[in-house]
Amino acid sequence: MTQYLISFNEGAMDHIPDGDWVDVGKAAHEVTEEAVRAGVWVYGGGLERQQASIVATDGTVTDGPYPETKEVVGGFAVVEVATREEAHAWAAKIAAACRCAQHVRELMPDPEHDAFLRRLAEEK
């Protein structure tokens, strides 16, 4: 199984009228619940509208991203499915619920980290 990041840019939902937010929230939660019941949901959420902090390798913290950055992630979901087509199908459901287009990207696997998590789970 492969994990996919499904995301949308900040501002992608700005076109939604104030009176529709309850319906959008309900639809988004329904898709999330469907993904959980299907066993494909890993994690997801929206991001607050705020400037991100950049933490350098030496621990120095600065403001960012910089104004020339055109796209900033506004929300995301991670699903674990067998194929990219399945990820596209879930992205389509999320897009319909959230009323905005979704980006789909495959996450790079980390077999060492996965093995570590399996060992931890077996210890419980």
PDB file of N, CA and C in Angstrom:
ATOM      1  N   MET A   1       0.848  -1.183   0.000  1.00  0.00           N
ATOM      2  CA  MET A   1       0.000   0.000   0.000  1.00  0.00           C
ATOM      3  C   MET A   1       0.895   1.248   0.000  1.00  0.00           C
ATOM      4  N   THR A   2       0.398   2.272  -0.648  1.00  0.00           N
ATOM      5  CA  THR A   2       1.140   3.520  -0.778  1.00  0.00           C
ATOM      6  C   THR A   2       0.330   4.647  -0.154  1.00  0.00           C
ATOM      7  N   GLN A   3       1.036   5.571   0.474  1.00  0.00           N
ATOM      8  CA  GLN A   3       0.365   6.729   1.049  1.00  0.00           C
ATOM      9  C   GLN A   3       0.414   7.891   0.056  1.00  0.00           C
ATOM     10  N   TYR A   4      -0.688   8.620  -0.001  1.00  0.00           N
ATOM     11  CA  TYR A   4      -0.813   9.778  -0.878  1.00  0.00           C
ATOM     12  C   TYR A   4      -1.254  10.986  -0.071  1.00  0.00           C
ATOM     13  N   LEU A   5      -0.648  12.111  -0.386  1.00  0.00           N
ATOM     14  CA  LEU A   5      -1.053  13.381   0.186  1.00  0.00           C
ATOM     15  C   LEU A   5      -2.064  14.009  -0.765  1.00  0.00           C
ATOM     16  N   ILE A   6      -3.237  14.298  -0.247  1.00  0.00           N
ATOM     17  CA  ILE A   6      -4.277  14.995  -1.002  1.00  0.00           C
ATOM     18  C   ILE A   6      -4.406  16.359  -0.340  1.00  0.00           C
ATOM     19  N   SER A   7      -4.197  17.427  -1.115  1.00  0.00           N
ATOM     20  CA  SER A   7      -4.171  18.750  -0.492  1.00  0.00           C
ATOM     21  C   SER A   7      -4.804  19.802  -1.394  1.00  0.00           C
ATOM     22  N   PHE A   8      -5.077  20.936  -0.788  1.00  0.00           N
ATOM     23  CA  PHE A   8      -5.571  22.088  -1.537  1.00  0.00           C
ATOM     24  C   PHE A   8      -4.883  23.330  -1.015  1.00  0.00           C
ATOM     25  N   ASN A   9      -4.826  24.341  -1.857  1.00  0.00           N
ATOM     26  CA  ASN A   9      -4.149  25.581  -1.494  1.00  0.00           C
ATOM     27  C   ASN A   9      -5.002  26.450  -0.589  1.00  0.00           C
ATOM     28  N   GLU A  10      -4.309  27.225   0.231  1.00  0.00           N
ATOM     29  CA  GLU A  10      -4.994  28.208   1.050  1.00  0.00           C
ATOM     30  C   GLU A  10      -5.764  29.145   0.121  1.00  0.00           C
ATOM     31  N   GLY A  11      -6.964  29.466   0.492  1.00  0.00           N
ATOM     32  CA  GLY A  11      -7.785  30.348  -0.315  1.00  0.00           C
ATOM     33  C   GLY A  11      -8.656  29.619  -1.321  1.00  0.00           C
ATOM     34  N   ALA A  12      -8.429  28.307  -1.490  1.00  0.00           N
ATOM     35  CA  ALA A  12      -9.198  27.550  -2.481  1.00  0.00           C
ATOM     36  C   ALA A  12     -10.677  27.462  -2.123  1.00  0.00           C
ATOM     37  N   MET A  13     -10.996  27.693  -0.853  1.00  0.00           N
ATOM     38  CA  MET A  13     -12.389  27.600  -0.425  1.00  0.00           C
ATOM     39  C   MET A  13     -13.003  28.982  -0.186  1.00  0.00           C
ATOM     40  N   ASP A  14     -12.290  30.034  -0.565  1.00  0.00           N
ATOM     41  CA  ASP A  14     -12.781  31.395  -0.325  1.00  0.00           C
ATOM     42  C   ASP A  14     -14.069  31.717  -1.069  1.00  0.00           C
ATOM     43  N   HIS A  15     -14.370  30.979  -2.117  1.00  0.00           N
ATOM     44  CA  HIS A  15     -15.577  31.237  -2.911  1.00  0.00           C
ATOM     45  C   HIS A  15     -16.855  30.730  -2.240  1.00  0.00           C
ATOM     46  N   ILE A  16     -16.708  29.977  -1.165  1.00  0.00           N
ATOM     47  CA  ILE A  16     -17.873  29.373  -0.512  1.00  0.00           C
ATOM     48  C   ILE A  16     -18.611  30.441   0.313  1.00  0.00           C
ATOM     49  N   PRO A  17     -19.895  30.631   0.065  1.00  0.00           N
ATOM     50  CA  PRO A  17     -20.665  31.616   0.833  1.00  0.00           C
ATOM     51  C   PRO A  17     -20.719  31.241   2.323  1.00  0.00           C
ATOM     52  N   ASP A  18     -20.744  32.244   3.171  1.00  0.00           N
ATOM     53  CA  ASP A  18     -20.770  32.011   4.620  1.00  0.00           C
ATOM     54  C   ASP A  18     -21.877  31.050   5.031  1.00  0.00           C
ATOM     55  N   GLY A  19     -23.022  31.147   4.404  1.00  0.00           N
ATOM     56  CA  GLY A  19     -24.151  30.295   4.764  1.00  0.00           C
ATOM     57  C   GLY A  19     -23.987  28.833   4.382  1.00  0.00           C
ATOM     58  N   ASP A  20     -22.975  28.508   3.590  1.00  0.00           N
ATOM     59  CA  ASP A  20     -22.768  27.120   3.149  1.00  0.00           C
ATOM     60  C   ASP A  20     -21.755  26.349   3.978  1.00  0.00           C
ATOM     61  N   TRP A  21     -21.079  27.006   4.913  1.00  0.00           N
ATOM     62  CA  TRP A  21     -19.997  26.335   5.635  1.00  0.00           C
ATOM     63  C   TRP A  21     -20.453  25.139   6.466  1.00  0.00           C
ATOM     64  N   VAL A  22     -21.639  25.200   7.012  1.00  0.00           N
ATOM     65  CA  VAL A  22     -22.150  24.052   7.779  1.00  0.00           C
ATOM     66  C   VAL A  22     -22.278  22.838   6.862  1.00  0.00           C
ATOM     67  N   ASP A  23     -22.822  23.038   5.662  1.00  0.00           N
ATOM     68  CA  ASP A  23     -22.970  21.934   4.707  1.00  0.00           C
ATOM     69  C   ASP A  23     -21.614  21.415   4.234  1.00  0.00           C
ATOM     70  N   VAL A  24     -20.674  22.318   4.007  1.00  0.00           N
ATOM     71  CA  VAL A  24     -19.331  21.900   3.579  1.00  0.00           C
ATOM     72  C   VAL A  24     -18.666  21.083   4.686  1.00  0.00           C
ATOM     73  N   GLY A  25     -18.772  21.551   5.914  1.00  0.00           N
ATOM     74  CA  GLY A  25     -18.190  20.818   7.038  1.00  0.00           C
ATOM     75  C   GLY A  25     -18.805  19.436   7.185  1.00  0.00           C
ATOM     76  N   LYS A  26     -20.112  19.362   7.052  1.00  0.00           N
ATOM     77  CA  LYS A  26     -20.802  18.070   7.145  1.00  0.00           C
ATOM     78  C   LYS A  26     -20.333  17.136   6.041  1.00  0.00           C
ATOM     79  N   ALA A  27     -20.264  17.629   4.810  1.00  0.00           N
ATOM     80  CA  ALA A  27     -19.826  16.800   3.682  1.00  0.00           C
ATOM     81  C   ALA A  27     -18.378  16.339   3.868  1.00  0.00           C
ATOM     82  N   ALA A  28     -17.512  17.233   4.337  1.00  0.00           N
ATOM     83  CA  ALA A  28     -16.113  16.870   4.558  1.00  0.00           C
ATOM     84  C   ALA A  28     -15.990  15.793   5.636  1.00  0.00           C
ATOM     85  N   HIS A  29     -16.761  15.938   6.723  1.00  0.00           N
ATOM     86  CA  HIS A  29     -16.716  14.924   7.779  1.00  0.00           C
ATOM     87  C   HIS A  29     -17.262  13.583   7.286  1.00  0.00           C
ATOM     88  N   GLU A  30     -18.264  13.616   6.436  1.00  0.00           N
ATOM     89  CA  GLU A  30     -18.814  12.371   5.887  1.00  0.00           C
ATOM     90  C   GLU A  30     -17.771  11.635   5.037  1.00  0.00           C
ATOM     91  N   VAL A  31     -17.016  12.375   4.227  1.00  0.00           N
ATOM     92  CA  VAL A  31     -15.970  11.751   3.416  1.00  0.00           C
ATOM     93  C   VAL A  31     -14.877  11.190   4.319  1.00  0.00           C
ATOM     94  N   THR A  32     -14.504  11.947   5.349  1.00  0.00           N
ATOM     95  CA  THR A  32     -13.492  11.465   6.289  1.00  0.00           C
ATOM     96  C   THR A  32     -13.959  10.167   6.947  1.00  0.00           C
ATOM     97  N   GLU A  33     -15.202  10.146   7.417  1.00  0.00           N
ATOM     98  CA  GLU A  33     -15.737   8.938   8.051  1.00  0.00           C
ATOM     99  C   GLU A  33     -15.767   7.767   7.071  1.00  0.00           C
ATOM    100  N   GLU A  34     -16.120   8.043   5.812  1.00  0.00           N
ATOM    101  CA  GLU A  34     -16.121   6.984   4.800  1.00  0.00           C
ATOM    102  C   GLU A  34     -14.711   6.428   4.601  1.00  0.00           C
ATOM    103  N   ALA A  35     -13.717   7.307   4.556  1.00  0.00           N
ATOM    104  CA  ALA A  35     -12.328   6.866   4.383  1.00  0.00           C
ATOM    105  C   ALA A  35     -11.843   6.070   5.594  1.00  0.00           C
ATOM    106  N   VAL A  36     -12.248   6.488   6.795  1.00  0.00           N
ATOM    107  CA  VAL A  36     -11.878   5.738   8.011  1.00  0.00           C
ATOM    108  C   VAL A  36     -12.503   4.352   7.969  1.00  0.00           C
ATOM    109  N   ARG A  37     -13.789   4.286   7.662  1.00  0.00           N
ATOM    110  CA  ARG A  37     -14.477   2.984   7.593  1.00  0.00           C
ATOM    111  C   ARG A  37     -13.887   2.093   6.503  1.00  0.00           C
ATOM    112  N   ALA A  38     -13.406   2.687   5.413  1.00  0.00           N
ATOM    113  CA  ALA A  38     -12.796   1.920   4.325  1.00  0.00           C
ATOM    114  C   ALA A  38     -11.366   1.486   4.666  1.00  0.00           C
ATOM    115  N   GLY A  39     -10.828   2.011   5.768  1.00  0.00           N
ATOM    116  CA  GLY A  39      -9.488   1.628   6.202  1.00  0.00           C
ATOM    117  C   GLY A  39      -8.364   2.310   5.435  1.00  0.00           C
ATOM    118  N   VAL A  40      -8.662   3.447   4.770  1.00  0.00           N
ATOM    119  CA  VAL A  40      -7.628   4.117   3.979  1.00  0.00           C
ATOM    120  C   VAL A  40      -7.156   5.430   4.610  1.00  0.00           C
ATOM    121  N   TRP A  41      -7.889   5.941   5.586  1.00  0.00           N
ATOM    122  CA  TRP A  41      -7.555   7.224   6.202  1.00  0.00           C
ATOM    123  C   TRP A  41      -6.327   7.090   7.087  1.00  0.00           C
ATOM    124  N   VAL A  42      -5.359   7.988   6.920  1.00  0.00           N
ATOM    125  CA  VAL A  42      -4.183   8.028   7.792  1.00  0.00           C
ATOM    126  C   VAL A  42      -4.275   9.246   8.704  1.00  0.00           C
ATOM    127  N   TYR A  43      -4.435  10.417   8.104  1.00  0.00           N
ATOM    128  CA  TYR A  43      -4.497  11.648   8.891  1.00  0.00           C
ATOM    129  C   TYR A  43      -4.861  12.806   7.972  1.00  0.00           C
ATOM    130  N   GLY A  44      -5.371  13.876   8.530  1.00  0.00           N
ATOM    131  CA  GLY A  44      -5.636  15.060   7.734  1.00  0.00           C
ATOM    132  C   GLY A  44      -6.146  16.200   8.573  1.00  0.00           C
ATOM    133  N   GLY A  45      -6.224  17.371   7.952  1.00  0.00           N
ATOM    134  CA  GLY A  45      -6.758  18.529   8.643  1.00  0.00           C
ATOM    135  C   GLY A  45      -6.537  19.788   7.845  1.00  0.00           C
ATOM    136  N   GLY A  46      -7.132  20.855   8.325  1.00  0.00           N
ATOM    137  CA  GLY A  46      -6.934  22.163   7.719  1.00  0.00           C
ATOM    138  C   GLY A  46      -5.821  22.884   8.443  1.00  0.00           C
ATOM    139  N   LEU A  47      -5.246  23.856   7.764  1.00  0.00           N
ATOM    140  CA  LEU A  47      -4.180  24.652   8.365  1.00  0.00           C
ATOM    141  C   LEU A  47      -4.708  26.054   8.644  1.00  0.00           C
ATOM    142  N   GLU A  48      -4.378  26.577   9.811  1.00  0.00           N
ATOM    143  CA  GLU A  48      -4.773  27.940  10.171  1.00  0.00           C
ATOM    144  C   GLU A  48      -4.148  28.921   9.200  1.00  0.00           C
ATOM    145  N   ARG A  49      -4.867  30.000   8.928  1.00  0.00           N
ATOM    146  CA  ARG A  49      -4.318  31.059   8.078  1.00  0.00           C
ATOM    147  C   ARG A  49      -3.367  31.882   8.920  1.00  0.00           C
ATOM    148  N   GLN A  50      -2.125  31.544   8.812  1.00  0.00           N
ATOM    149  CA  GLN A  50      -1.092  32.262   9.556  1.00  0.00           C
ATOM    150  C   GLN A  50       0.228  32.082   8.831  1.00  0.00           C
ATOM    151  N   GLN A  51       1.142  32.974   9.072  1.00  0.00           N
ATOM    152  CA  GLN A  51       2.447  32.851   8.457  1.00  0.00           C
ATOM    153  C   GLN A  51       3.186  31.707   9.128  1.00  0.00           C
ATOM    154  N   ALA A  52       3.793  30.861   8.320  1.00  0.00           N
ATOM    155  CA  ALA A  52       4.552  29.732   8.848  1.00  0.00           C
ATOM    156  C   ALA A  52       5.878  30.226   9.410  1.00  0.00           C
ATOM    157  N   SER A  53       6.461  29.431  10.277  1.00  0.00           N
ATOM    158  CA  SER A  53       7.809  29.681  10.765  1.00  0.00           C
ATOM    159  C   SER A  53       8.755  28.753  10.026  1.00  0.00           C
ATOM    160  N   ILE A  54       9.940  29.252   9.746  1.00  0.00           N
ATOM    161  CA  ILE A  54      10.969  28.428   9.132  1.00  0.00           C
ATOM    162  C   ILE A  54      12.019  28.169  10.199  1.00  0.00           C
ATOM    163  N   VAL A  55      12.294  26.879  10.457  1.00  0.00           N
ATOM    164  CA  VAL A  55      13.294  26.501  11.437  1.00  0.00           C
ATOM    165  C   VAL A  55      14.490  25.939  10.681  1.00  0.00           C
ATOM    166  N   ALA A  56      15.638  26.611  10.812  1.00  0.00           N
ATOM    167  CA  ALA A  56      16.856  26.213  10.110  1.00  0.00           C
ATOM    168  C   ALA A  56      17.514  25.016  10.788  1.00  0.00           C
ATOM    169  N   THR A  57      18.497  24.456  10.122  1.00  0.00           N
ATOM    170  CA  THR A  57      19.184  23.278  10.666  1.00  0.00           C
ATOM    171  C   THR A  57      19.882  23.570  11.989  1.00  0.00           C
ATOM    172  N   ASP A  58      20.201  24.837  12.247  1.00  0.00           N
ATOM    173  CA  ASP A  58      20.833  25.197  13.527  1.00  0.00           C
ATOM    174  C   ASP A  58      19.813  25.588  14.591  1.00  0.00           C
ATOM    175  N   GLY A  59      18.505  25.485  14.245  1.00  0.00           N
ATOM    176  CA  GLY A  59      17.451  25.799  15.193  1.00  0.00           C
ATOM    177  C   GLY A  59      16.970  27.234  15.138  1.00  0.00           C
ATOM    178  N   THR A  60      17.592  28.066  14.319  1.00  0.00           N
ATOM    179  CA  THR A  60      17.166  29.449  14.171  1.00  0.00           C
ATOM    180  C   THR A  60      15.767  29.495  13.562  1.00  0.00           C
ATOM    181  N   VAL A  61      14.905  30.331  14.147  1.00  0.00           N
ATOM    182  CA  VAL A  61      13.526  30.454  13.671  1.00  0.00           C
ATOM    183  C   VAL A  61      13.349  31.816  13.002  1.00  0.00           C
ATOM    184  N   THR A  62      12.810  31.784  11.779  1.00  0.00           N
ATOM    185  CA  THR A  62      12.500  33.017  11.062  1.00  0.00           C
ATOM    186  C   THR A  62      11.093  32.917  10.503  1.00  0.00           C
ATOM    187  N   ASP A  63      10.543  34.063  10.097  1.00  0.00           N
ATOM    188  CA  ASP A  63       9.225  34.075   9.473  1.00  0.00           C
ATOM    189  C   ASP A  63       9.311  33.550   8.049  1.00  0.00           C
ATOM    190  N   GLY A  64       8.235  32.973   7.573  1.00  0.00           N
ATOM    191  CA  GLY A  64       8.161  32.486   6.210  1.00  0.00           C
ATOM    192  C   GLY A  64       6.778  31.935   5.998  1.00  0.00           C
ATOM    193  N   PRO A  65       6.415  31.402   4.853  1.00  0.00           N
ATOM    194  CA  PRO A  65       7.178  31.544   3.624  1.00  0.00           C
ATOM    195  C   PRO A  65       7.174  32.997   3.181  1.00  0.00           C
ATOM    196  N   TYR A  66       8.012  33.301   2.264  1.00  0.00           N
ATOM    197  CA  TYR A  66       8.181  34.671   1.812  1.00  0.00           C
ATOM    198  C   TYR A  66       7.094  35.068   0.824  1.00  0.00           C
ATOM    199  N   PRO A  67       6.842  36.369   0.671  1.00  0.00           N
ATOM    200  CA  PRO A  67       5.750  36.833  -0.198  1.00  0.00           C
ATOM    201  C   PRO A  67       5.804  36.304  -1.627  1.00  0.00           C
ATOM    202  N   GLU A  68       6.989  35.986  -2.157  1.00  0.00           N
ATOM    203  CA  GLU A  68       7.047  35.483  -3.526  1.00  0.00           C
ATOM    204  C   GLU A  68       6.487  34.061  -3.654  1.00  0.00           C
ATOM    205  N   THR A  69       6.213  33.409  -2.520  1.00  0.00           N
ATOM    206  CA  THR A  69       5.599  32.085  -2.557  1.00  0.00           C
ATOM    207  C   THR A  69       4.168  32.244  -3.037  1.00  0.00           C
ATOM    208  N   LYS A  70       3.833  31.568  -4.123  1.00  0.00           N
ATOM    209  CA  LYS A  70       2.512  31.737  -4.712  1.00  0.00           C
ATOM    210  C   LYS A  70       1.467  30.803  -4.127  1.00  0.00           C
ATOM    211  N   GLU A  71       1.882  29.615  -3.719  1.00  0.00           N
ATOM    212  CA  GLU A  71       0.910  28.649  -3.226  1.00  0.00           C
ATOM    213  C   GLU A  71       1.333  28.112  -1.864  1.00  0.00           C
ATOM    214  N   VAL A  72       0.381  28.112  -0.946  1.00  0.00           N
ATOM    215  CA  VAL A  72       0.604  27.604   0.402  1.00  0.00           C
ATOM    216  C   VAL A  72      -0.504  26.601   0.683  1.00  0.00           C
ATOM    217  N   VAL A  73      -0.177  25.486   1.300  1.00  0.00           N
ATOM    218  CA  VAL A  73      -1.172  24.461   1.590  1.00  0.00           C
ATOM    219  C   VAL A  73      -2.174  24.994   2.601  1.00  0.00           C
ATOM    220  N   GLY A  74      -3.462  24.767   2.301  1.00  0.00           N
ATOM    221  CA  GLY A  74      -4.527  25.211   3.189  1.00  0.00           C
ATOM    222  C   GLY A  74      -5.159  24.067   3.971  1.00  0.00           C
ATOM    223  N   GLY A  75      -5.052  22.859   3.442  1.00  0.00           N
ATOM    224  CA  GLY A  75      -5.600  21.684   4.109  1.00  0.00           C
ATOM    225  C   GLY A  75      -5.101  20.437   3.412  1.00  0.00           C
ATOM    226  N   PHE A  76      -5.197  19.301   4.104  1.00  0.00           N
ATOM    227  CA  PHE A  76      -4.649  18.080   3.534  1.00  0.00           C
ATOM    228  C   PHE A  76      -5.289  16.843   4.146  1.00  0.00           C
ATOM    229  N   ALA A  77      -5.119  15.741   3.444  1.00  0.00           N
ATOM    230  CA  ALA A  77      -5.472  14.413   3.943  1.00  0.00           C
ATOM    231  C   ALA A  77      -4.391  13.464   3.458  1.00  0.00           C
ATOM    232  N   VAL A  78      -4.120  12.456   4.245  1.00  0.00           N
ATOM    233  CA  VAL A  78      -3.215  11.392   3.823  1.00  0.00           C
ATOM    234  C   VAL A  78      -4.036  10.106   3.806  1.00  0.00           C
ATOM    235  N   VAL A  79      -4.049   9.441   2.659  1.00  0.00           N
ATOM    236  CA  VAL A  79      -4.730   8.156   2.531  1.00  0.00           C
ATOM    237  C   VAL A  79      -3.714   7.105   2.129  1.00  0.00           C
ATOM    238  N   GLU A  80      -4.017   5.874   2.477  1.00  0.00           N
ATOM    239  CA  GLU A  80      -3.146   4.754   2.118  1.00  0.00           C
ATOM    240  C   GLU A  80      -3.967   3.783   1.280  1.00  0.00           C
ATOM    241  N   VAL A  81      -3.616   3.708  -0.002  1.00  0.00           N
ATOM    242  CA  VAL A  81      -4.375   2.910  -0.959  1.00  0.00           C
ATOM    243  C   VAL A  81      -3.417   2.146  -1.867  1.00  0.00           C
ATOM    244  N   ALA A  82      -3.964   1.229  -2.644  1.00  0.00           N
ATOM    245  CA  ALA A  82      -3.141   0.371  -3.494  1.00  0.00           C
ATOM    246  C   ALA A  82      -2.662   1.055  -4.767  1.00  0.00           C
ATOM    247  N   THR A  83      -3.444   2.003  -5.296  1.00  0.00           N
ATOM    248  CA  THR A  83      -3.082   2.590  -6.580  1.00  0.00           C
ATOM    249  C   THR A  83      -3.295   4.104  -6.585  1.00  0.00           C
ATOM    250  N   ARG A  84      -2.631   4.756  -7.513  1.00  0.00           N
ATOM    251  CA  ARG A  84      -2.819   6.195  -7.690  1.00  0.00           C
ATOM    252  C   ARG A  84      -4.261   6.501  -8.104  1.00  0.00           C
ATOM    253  N   GLU A  85      -4.850   5.599  -8.870  1.00  0.00           N
ATOM    254  CA  GLU A  85      -6.240   5.788  -9.296  1.00  0.00           C
ATOM    255  C   GLU A  85      -7.175   5.822  -8.090  1.00  0.00           C
ATOM    256  N   GLU A  86      -6.898   4.962  -7.095  1.00  0.00           N
ATOM    257  CA  GLU A  86      -7.714   4.989  -5.875  1.00  0.00           C
ATOM    258  C   GLU A  86      -7.523   6.311  -5.135  1.00  0.00           C
ATOM    259  N   ALA A  87      -6.288   6.816  -5.116  1.00  0.00           N
ATOM    260  CA  ALA A  87      -6.023   8.116  -4.487  1.00  0.00           C
ATOM    261  C   ALA A  87      -6.797   9.203  -5.221  1.00  0.00           C
ATOM    262  N   HIS A  88      -6.833   9.121  -6.554  1.00  0.00           N
ATOM    263  CA  HIS A  88      -7.610  10.098  -7.333  1.00  0.00           C
ATOM    264  C   HIS A  88      -9.101  10.011  -6.999  1.00  0.00           C
ATOM    265  N   ALA A  89      -9.591   8.800  -6.800  1.00  0.00           N
ATOM    266  CA  ALA A  89     -11.014   8.629  -6.464  1.00  0.00           C
ATOM    267  C   ALA A  89     -11.328   9.287  -5.114  1.00  0.00           C
ATOM    268  N   TRP A  90     -10.452   9.102  -4.127  1.00  0.00           N
ATOM    269  CA  TRP A  90     -10.668   9.744  -2.831  1.00  0.00           C
ATOM    270  C   TRP A  90     -10.530  11.256  -2.958  1.00  0.00           C
ATOM    271  N   ALA A  91      -9.574  11.722  -3.763  1.00  0.00           N
ATOM    272  CA  ALA A  91      -9.401  13.159  -3.973  1.00  0.00           C
ATOM    273  C   ALA A  91     -10.659  13.756  -4.603  1.00  0.00           C
ATOM    274  N   ALA A  92     -11.294  13.015  -5.503  1.00  0.00           N
ATOM    275  CA  ALA A  92     -12.528  13.495  -6.130  1.00  0.00           C
ATOM    276  C   ALA A  92     -13.635  13.643  -5.095  1.00  0.00           C
ATOM    277  N   LYS A  93     -13.716  12.707  -4.164  1.00  0.00           N
ATOM    278  CA  LYS A  93     -14.734  12.798  -3.111  1.00  0.00           C
ATOM    279  C   LYS A  93     -14.465  14.000  -2.205  1.00  0.00           C
ATOM    280  N   ILE A  94     -13.193  14.196  -1.867  1.00  0.00           N
ATOM    281  CA  ILE A  94     -12.820  15.331  -1.019  1.00  0.00           C
ATOM    282  C   ILE A  94     -13.079  16.638  -1.761  1.00  0.00           C
ATOM    283  N   ALA A  95     -12.744  16.675  -3.048  1.00  0.00           N
ATOM    284  CA  ALA A  95     -12.973  17.880  -3.851  1.00  0.00           C
ATOM    285  C   ALA A  95     -14.453  18.246  -3.884  1.00  0.00           C
ATOM    286  N   ALA A  96     -15.301  17.255  -4.056  1.00  0.00           N
ATOM    287  CA  ALA A  96     -16.740  17.514  -4.084  1.00  0.00           C
ATOM    288  C   ALA A  96     -17.218  18.033  -2.730  1.00  0.00           C
ATOM    289  N   ALA A  97     -16.737  17.414  -1.654  1.00  0.00           N
ATOM    290  CA  ALA A  97     -17.162  17.830  -0.313  1.00  0.00           C
ATOM    291  C   ALA A  97     -16.666  19.231   0.028  1.00  0.00           C
ATOM    292  N   CYS A  98     -15.421  19.512  -0.300  1.00  0.00           N
ATOM    293  CA  CYS A  98     -14.808  20.800   0.056  1.00  0.00           C
ATOM    294  C   CYS A  98     -15.017  21.883  -0.996  1.00  0.00           C
ATOM    295  N   ARG A  99     -15.598  21.478  -2.123  1.00  0.00           N
ATOM    296  CA  ARG A  99     -15.897  22.408  -3.209  1.00  0.00           C
ATOM    297  C   ARG A  99     -14.660  23.107  -3.761  1.00  0.00           C
ATOM    298  N   CYS A 100     -13.554  22.361  -3.819  1.00  0.00           N
ATOM    299  CA  CYS A 100     -12.339  22.912  -4.423  1.00  0.00           C
ATOM    300  C   CYS A 100     -11.458  21.775  -4.925  1.00  0.00           C
ATOM    301  N   ALA A 101     -10.669  22.073  -5.936  1.00  0.00           N
ATOM    302  CA  ALA A 101      -9.771  21.082  -6.537  1.00  0.00           C
ATOM    303  C   ALA A 101      -8.741  20.596  -5.514  1.00  0.00           C
ATOM    304  N   GLN A 102      -8.276  19.386  -5.715  1.00  0.00           N
ATOM    305  CA  GLN A 102      -7.308  18.766  -4.817  1.00  0.00           C
ATOM    306  C   GLN A 102      -6.056  18.372  -5.594  1.00  0.00           C
ATOM    307  N   HIS A 103      -4.922  18.449  -4.928  1.00  0.00           N
ATOM    308  CA  HIS A 103      -3.649  18.004  -5.497  1.00  0.00           C
ATOM    309  C   HIS A 103      -3.356  16.620  -4.916  1.00  0.00           C
ATOM    310  N   VAL A 104      -2.812  15.723  -5.724  1.00  0.00           N
ATOM    311  CA  VAL A 104      -2.486  14.369  -5.258  1.00  0.00           C
ATOM    312  C   VAL A 104      -0.999  14.124  -5.483  1.00  0.00           C
ATOM    313  N   ARG A 105      -0.308  13.746  -4.407  1.00  0.00           N
ATOM    314  CA  ARG A 105       1.119  13.450  -4.481  1.00  0.00           C
ATOM    315  C   ARG A 105       1.409  12.171  -3.712  1.00  0.00           C
ATOM    316  N   GLU A 106       2.237  11.330  -4.284  1.00  0.00           N
ATOM    317  CA  GLU A 106       2.650  10.092  -3.614  1.00  0.00           C
ATOM    318  C   GLU A 106       3.719  10.434  -2.583  1.00  0.00           C
ATOM    319  N   LEU A 107       3.562   9.897  -1.381  1.00  0.00           N
ATOM    320  CA  LEU A 107       4.567  10.086  -0.336  1.00  0.00           C
ATOM    321  C   LEU A 107       5.664   9.041  -0.500  1.00  0.00           C
ATOM    322  N   MET A 108       6.876   9.457  -0.232  1.00  0.00           N
ATOM    323  CA  MET A 108       8.001   8.529  -0.351  1.00  0.00           C
ATOM    324  C   MET A 108       7.967   7.537   0.803  1.00  0.00           C
ATOM    325  N   PRO A 109       8.121   6.255   0.514  1.00  0.00           N
ATOM    326  CA  PRO A 109       8.127   5.257   1.587  1.00  0.00           C
ATOM    327  C   PRO A 109       9.425   5.323   2.384  1.00  0.00           C
ATOM    328  N   ASP A 110       9.361   4.902   3.631  1.00  0.00           N
ATOM    329  CA  ASP A 110      10.533   4.803   4.497  1.00  0.00           C
ATOM    330  C   ASP A 110      10.482   3.448   5.199  1.00  0.00           C
ATOM    331  N   PRO A 111      11.016   2.411   4.562  1.00  0.00           N
ATOM    332  CA  PRO A 111      10.927   1.057   5.131  1.00  0.00           C
ATOM    333  C   PRO A 111      11.501   0.948   6.541  1.00  0.00           C
ATOM    334  N   GLU A 112      12.560   1.681   6.833  1.00  0.00           N
ATOM    335  CA  GLU A 112      13.156   1.622   8.168  1.00  0.00           C
ATOM    336  C   GLU A 112      12.196   2.168   9.222  1.00  0.00           C
ATOM    337  N   HIS A 113      11.555   3.283   8.915  1.00  0.00           N
ATOM    338  CA  HIS A 113      10.577   3.871   9.837  1.00  0.00           C
ATOM    339  C   HIS A 113       9.370   2.954   9.992  1.00  0.00           C
ATOM    340  N   ASP A 114       8.915   2.369   8.885  1.00  0.00           N
ATOM    341  CA  ASP A 114       7.779   1.453   8.941  1.00  0.00           C
ATOM    342  C   ASP A 114       8.098   0.241   9.812  1.00  0.00           C
ATOM    343  N   ALA A 115       9.311  -0.296   9.681  1.00  0.00           N
ATOM    344  CA  ALA A 115       9.728  -1.435  10.502  1.00  0.00           C
ATOM    345  C   ALA A 115       9.769  -1.044  11.978  1.00  0.00           C
ATOM    346  N   PHE A 116      10.247   0.147  12.275  1.00  0.00           N
ATOM    347  CA  PHE A 116      10.282   0.643  13.647  1.00  0.00           C
ATOM    348  C   PHE A 116       8.874   0.720  14.234  1.00  0.00           C
ATOM    349  N   LEU A 117       7.923   1.257  13.461  1.00  0.00           N
ATOM    350  CA  LEU A 117       6.545   1.365  13.934  1.00  0.00           C
ATOM    351  C   LEU A 117       5.927  -0.009  14.167  1.00  0.00           C
ATOM    352  N   ARG A 118       6.229  -0.969  13.281  1.00  0.00           N
ATOM    353  CA  ARG A 118       5.716  -2.336  13.479  1.00  0.00           C
ATOM    354  C   ARG A 118       6.273  -2.937  14.771  1.00  0.00           C
ATOM    355  N   ARG A 119       7.559  -2.726  15.026  1.00  0.00           N
ATOM    356  CA  ARG A 119       8.170  -3.243  16.274  1.00  0.00           C
ATOM    357  C   ARG A 119       7.490  -2.632  17.493  1.00  0.00           C
ATOM    358  N   LEU A 120       7.249  -1.344  17.455  1.00  0.00           N
ATOM    359  CA  LEU A 120       6.580  -0.671  18.581  1.00  0.00           C
ATOM    360  C   LEU A 120       5.174  -1.253  18.791  1.00  0.00           C
ATOM    361  N   ALA A 121       4.447  -1.475  17.714  1.00  0.00           N
ATOM    362  CA  ALA A 121       3.099  -2.010  17.815  1.00  0.00           C
ATOM    363  C   ALA A 121       3.118  -3.414  18.395  1.00  0.00           C
ATOM    364  N   GLU A 122       4.110  -4.198  18.045  1.00  0.00           N
ATOM    365  CA  GLU A 122       4.214  -5.567  18.564  1.00  0.00           C
ATOM    366  C   GLU A 122       4.554  -5.583  20.047  1.00  0.00           C
ATOM    367  N   GLU A 123       5.262  -4.559  20.523  1.00  0.00           N
ATOM    368  CA  GLU A 123       5.634  -4.476  21.934  1.00  0.00           C
ATOM    369  C   GLU A 123       4.451  -4.169  22.837  1.00  0.00           C
ATOM    370  N   LYS A 124       3.387  -3.592  22.278  1.00  0.00           N
ATOM    371  CA  LYS A 124       2.219  -3.206  23.088  1.00  0.00           C
ATOM    372  C   LYS A 124       1.400  -4.394  23.504  1.00  0.00           C
TER     373      LYS A 124
END
